[in-house]
Amino acid sequence: MQKHFEQIEVELVSRIYKEFLVKFDGNKSEFARIALCSETTVRRVFRNEQRMTVDLLLRFCFALKIDVNEIFEGISILK
């Protein structure tokens, strides 16, 4: 089960990263400023070096101006 959750997290980060590239053109400083976190946190999450908390997920969605439900679209928590 843990492996499944880790795969979901990797998929969520991937989806967020793709949106980030489109909406922020790779500008991690600006993204971090709007998401109210450090640029280091952004870099570490995108490199899968830091786990993403629910709070951080919500901040990233806010910065990207997308609903959290969009990020989870098509992902099944229960297998």
N, C-alpha and C. Protein backbone atom coordinates (compact mmCIF):
# COMPACT_ATOMS: atom_id res chain seq x y z
N MET A 1 0.83 -1.19 0.00
CA MET A 1 0.00 0.00 0.00
C MET A 1 0.87 1.26 0.00
N GLN A 2 1.96 1.26 0.77
CA GLN A 2 2.85 2.42 0.83
C GLN A 2 3.39 2.76 -0.55
N LYS A 3 3.76 1.74 -1.31
CA LYS A 3 4.30 1.92 -2.67
C LYS A 3 3.25 2.62 -3.54
N HIS A 4 2.00 2.22 -3.42
CA HIS A 4 0.91 2.83 -4.18
C HIS A 4 0.79 4.31 -3.86
N PHE A 5 0.86 4.66 -2.59
CA PHE A 5 0.77 6.06 -2.19
C PHE A 5 1.96 6.87 -2.70
N GLU A 6 3.12 6.27 -2.68
CA GLU A 6 4.31 6.95 -3.20
C GLU A 6 4.17 7.20 -4.70
N GLN A 7 3.61 6.23 -5.43
CA GLN A 7 3.38 6.40 -6.87
C GLN A 7 2.39 7.52 -7.13
N ILE A 8 1.36 7.61 -6.31
CA ILE A 8 0.38 8.69 -6.44
C ILE A 8 1.06 10.03 -6.22
N GLU A 9 1.89 10.12 -5.20
CA GLU A 9 2.59 11.38 -4.92
C GLU A 9 3.49 11.78 -6.09
N VAL A 10 4.21 10.83 -6.65
CA VAL A 10 5.07 11.12 -7.80
C VAL A 10 4.23 11.62 -8.97
N GLU A 11 3.08 11.02 -9.19
CA GLU A 11 2.19 11.46 -10.28
C GLU A 11 1.65 12.87 -10.01
N LEU A 12 1.28 13.15 -8.79
CA LEU A 12 0.78 14.49 -8.45
C LEU A 12 1.86 15.55 -8.66
N VAL A 13 3.06 15.26 -8.21
CA VAL A 13 4.17 16.21 -8.40
C VAL A 13 4.42 16.43 -9.89
N SER A 14 4.36 15.36 -10.66
CA SER A 14 4.56 15.47 -12.11
C SER A 14 3.50 16.37 -12.75
N ARG A 15 2.27 16.21 -12.34
CA ARG A 15 1.17 17.04 -12.88
C ARG A 15 1.36 18.50 -12.49
N ILE A 16 1.74 18.73 -11.24
CA ILE A 16 1.97 20.09 -10.78
C ILE A 16 3.14 20.71 -11.53
N TYR A 17 4.19 19.94 -11.72
CA TYR A 17 5.37 20.44 -12.42
C TYR A 17 5.03 20.86 -13.86
N LYS A 18 4.23 20.06 -14.54
CA LYS A 18 3.84 20.39 -15.91
C LYS A 18 3.05 21.70 -15.95
N GLU A 19 2.15 21.89 -15.01
CA GLU A 19 1.39 23.14 -14.93
C GLU A 19 2.31 24.31 -14.61
N PHE A 20 3.24 24.07 -13.71
CA PHE A 20 4.23 25.08 -13.33
C PHE A 20 5.02 25.56 -14.54
N LEU A 21 5.48 24.62 -15.35
CA LEU A 21 6.26 24.99 -16.55
C LEU A 21 5.45 25.86 -17.50
N VAL A 22 4.18 25.55 -17.65
CA VAL A 22 3.31 26.32 -18.54
C VAL A 22 3.02 27.70 -17.97
N LYS A 23 2.64 27.75 -16.71
CA LYS A 23 2.16 29.00 -16.12
C LYS A 23 3.27 29.90 -15.57
N PHE A 24 4.42 29.32 -15.21
CA PHE A 24 5.50 30.12 -14.64
C PHE A 24 6.78 30.07 -15.48
N ASP A 25 6.71 29.37 -16.57
CA ASP A 25 7.84 29.29 -17.50
C ASP A 25 9.15 28.93 -16.79
N GLY A 26 9.03 28.05 -15.79
CA GLY A 26 10.22 27.60 -15.07
C GLY A 26 10.74 28.54 -13.99
N ASN A 27 10.04 29.62 -13.71
CA ASN A 27 10.49 30.60 -12.72
C ASN A 27 10.10 30.13 -11.31
N LYS A 28 11.03 29.42 -10.67
CA LYS A 28 10.77 28.87 -9.34
C LYS A 28 10.65 29.95 -8.28
N SER A 29 11.37 31.03 -8.44
CA SER A 29 11.32 32.12 -7.45
C SER A 29 9.92 32.73 -7.38
N GLU A 30 9.37 33.02 -8.53
CA GLU A 30 8.03 33.61 -8.59
C GLU A 30 6.98 32.63 -8.08
N PHE A 31 7.11 31.38 -8.48
CA PHE A 31 6.17 30.35 -8.03
C PHE A 31 6.23 30.22 -6.51
N ALA A 32 7.42 30.16 -5.95
CA ALA A 32 7.58 30.04 -4.50
C ALA A 32 6.99 31.25 -3.78
N ARG A 33 7.20 32.42 -4.34
CA ARG A 33 6.67 33.64 -3.72
C ARG A 33 5.14 33.57 -3.63
N ILE A 34 4.50 33.17 -4.71
CA ILE A 34 3.03 33.11 -4.73
C ILE A 34 2.51 31.95 -3.88
N ALA A 35 3.27 30.85 -3.84
CA ALA A 35 2.86 29.69 -3.04
C ALA A 35 3.21 29.85 -1.56
N LEU A 36 3.87 30.97 -1.22
CA LEU A 36 4.26 31.27 0.16
C LEU A 36 5.14 30.17 0.76
N CYS A 37 6.16 29.80 0.00
CA CYS A 37 7.14 28.84 0.50
C CYS A 37 8.51 29.23 -0.05
N SER A 38 9.52 28.50 0.30
CA SER A 38 10.86 28.84 -0.18
C SER A 38 11.11 28.21 -1.55
N GLU A 39 12.02 28.82 -2.27
CA GLU A 39 12.41 28.27 -3.57
C GLU A 39 13.08 26.91 -3.38
N THR A 40 13.78 26.75 -2.27
CA THR A 40 14.41 25.48 -1.96
C THR A 40 13.36 24.37 -1.83
N THR A 41 12.26 24.68 -1.17
CA THR A 41 11.17 23.72 -1.04
C THR A 41 10.64 23.32 -2.41
N VAL A 42 10.42 24.31 -3.26
CA VAL A 42 9.92 24.04 -4.62
C VAL A 42 10.89 23.11 -5.35
N ARG A 43 12.16 23.45 -5.33
CA ARG A 43 13.16 22.63 -6.02
C ARG A 43 13.19 21.20 -5.48
N ARG A 44 13.16 21.07 -4.17
CA ARG A 44 13.23 19.73 -3.56
C ARG A 44 12.00 18.89 -3.87
N VAL A 45 10.83 19.50 -3.86
CA VAL A 45 9.61 18.75 -4.20
C VAL A 45 9.66 18.32 -5.67
N PHE A 46 10.04 19.21 -6.55
CA PHE A 46 10.09 18.87 -7.97
C PHE A 46 11.13 17.80 -8.28
N ARG A 47 12.17 17.69 -7.46
CA ARG A 47 13.19 16.65 -7.63
C ARG A 47 12.86 15.37 -6.86
N ASN A 48 11.70 15.35 -6.22
CA ASN A 48 11.27 14.22 -5.38
C ASN A 48 12.26 13.96 -4.25
N GLU A 49 12.86 15.03 -3.73
CA GLU A 49 13.76 14.94 -2.59
C GLU A 49 13.04 15.30 -1.29
N GLN A 50 11.84 15.84 -1.41
CA GLN A 50 11.04 16.24 -0.25
C GLN A 50 9.61 15.83 -0.50
N ARG A 51 8.99 15.26 0.49
CA ARG A 51 7.59 14.86 0.38
C ARG A 51 6.71 16.10 0.43
N MET A 52 5.59 16.01 -0.23
CA MET A 52 4.67 17.14 -0.30
C MET A 52 3.57 16.96 0.75
N THR A 53 3.44 17.92 1.63
CA THR A 53 2.37 17.88 2.63
C THR A 53 1.07 18.34 1.98
N VAL A 54 -0.04 18.11 2.66
CA VAL A 54 -1.33 18.58 2.15
C VAL A 54 -1.31 20.11 2.05
N ASP A 55 -0.74 20.76 3.06
CA ASP A 55 -0.64 22.21 3.05
C ASP A 55 0.11 22.70 1.81
N LEU A 56 1.23 22.07 1.51
CA LEU A 56 2.02 22.46 0.35
C LEU A 56 1.29 22.17 -0.96
N LEU A 57 0.60 21.05 -1.02
CA LEU A 57 -0.22 20.73 -2.20
C LEU A 57 -1.24 21.83 -2.44
N LEU A 58 -1.91 22.27 -1.40
CA LEU A 58 -2.91 23.33 -1.54
C LEU A 58 -2.27 24.65 -1.95
N ARG A 59 -1.11 24.96 -1.40
CA ARG A 59 -0.40 26.19 -1.77
C ARG A 59 0.01 26.17 -3.24
N PHE A 60 0.50 25.01 -3.71
CA PHE A 60 0.89 24.89 -5.10
C PHE A 60 -0.32 25.03 -6.02
N CYS A 61 -1.42 24.41 -5.66
CA CYS A 61 -2.65 24.53 -6.47
C CYS A 61 -3.12 25.98 -6.50
N PHE A 62 -3.05 26.66 -5.37
CA PHE A 62 -3.43 28.07 -5.32
C PHE A 62 -2.55 28.90 -6.25
N ALA A 63 -1.25 28.69 -6.18
CA ALA A 63 -0.31 29.44 -7.02
C ALA A 63 -0.56 29.18 -8.51
N LEU A 64 -0.96 27.95 -8.83
CA LEU A 64 -1.21 27.58 -10.22
C LEU A 64 -2.63 27.93 -10.68
N LYS A 65 -3.45 28.37 -9.71
CA LYS A 65 -4.85 28.71 -9.98
C LYS A 65 -5.62 27.52 -10.56
N ILE A 66 -5.41 26.37 -9.92
CA ILE A 66 -6.15 25.18 -10.31
C ILE A 66 -6.78 24.56 -9.07
N ASP A 67 -7.91 23.94 -9.26
CA ASP A 67 -8.61 23.28 -8.17
C ASP A 67 -7.89 21.98 -7.85
N VAL A 68 -7.79 21.66 -6.59
CA VAL A 68 -7.10 20.44 -6.17
C VAL A 68 -7.74 19.21 -6.81
N ASN A 69 -9.03 19.26 -7.09
CA ASN A 69 -9.70 18.13 -7.74
C ASN A 69 -9.15 17.86 -9.13
N GLU A 70 -8.70 18.91 -9.82
CA GLU A 70 -8.11 18.73 -11.15
C GLU A 70 -6.84 17.90 -11.06
N ILE A 71 -6.05 18.15 -10.04
CA ILE A 71 -4.78 17.43 -9.87
C ILE A 71 -5.04 15.94 -9.64
N PHE A 72 -6.12 15.62 -8.92
CA PHE A 72 -6.43 14.22 -8.59
C PHE A 72 -7.27 13.52 -9.66
N GLU A 73 -7.64 14.21 -10.71
CA GLU A 73 -8.51 13.63 -11.73
C GLU A 73 -7.89 12.35 -12.31
N GLY A 74 -8.68 11.28 -12.25
CA GLY A 74 -8.24 10.00 -12.79
C GLY A 74 -7.37 9.17 -11.87
N ILE A 75 -7.08 9.68 -10.69
CA ILE A 75 -6.25 8.94 -9.74
C ILE A 75 -7.17 8.25 -8.72
N SER A 76 -6.96 6.96 -8.55
CA SER A 76 -7.75 6.19 -7.59
C SER A 76 -6.89 5.90 -6.36
N ILE A 77 -7.35 6.35 -5.22
CA ILE A 77 -6.64 6.11 -3.98
C ILE A 77 -6.82 4.64 -3.58
N LEU A 78 -8.03 4.15 -3.75
CA LEU A 78 -8.33 2.76 -3.42
C LEU A 78 -8.06 1.88 -4.63
N LYS A 79 -7.33 0.83 -4.41
CA LYS A 79 -7.00 -0.09 -5.50
C LYS A 79 -7.80 -1.35 -5.37
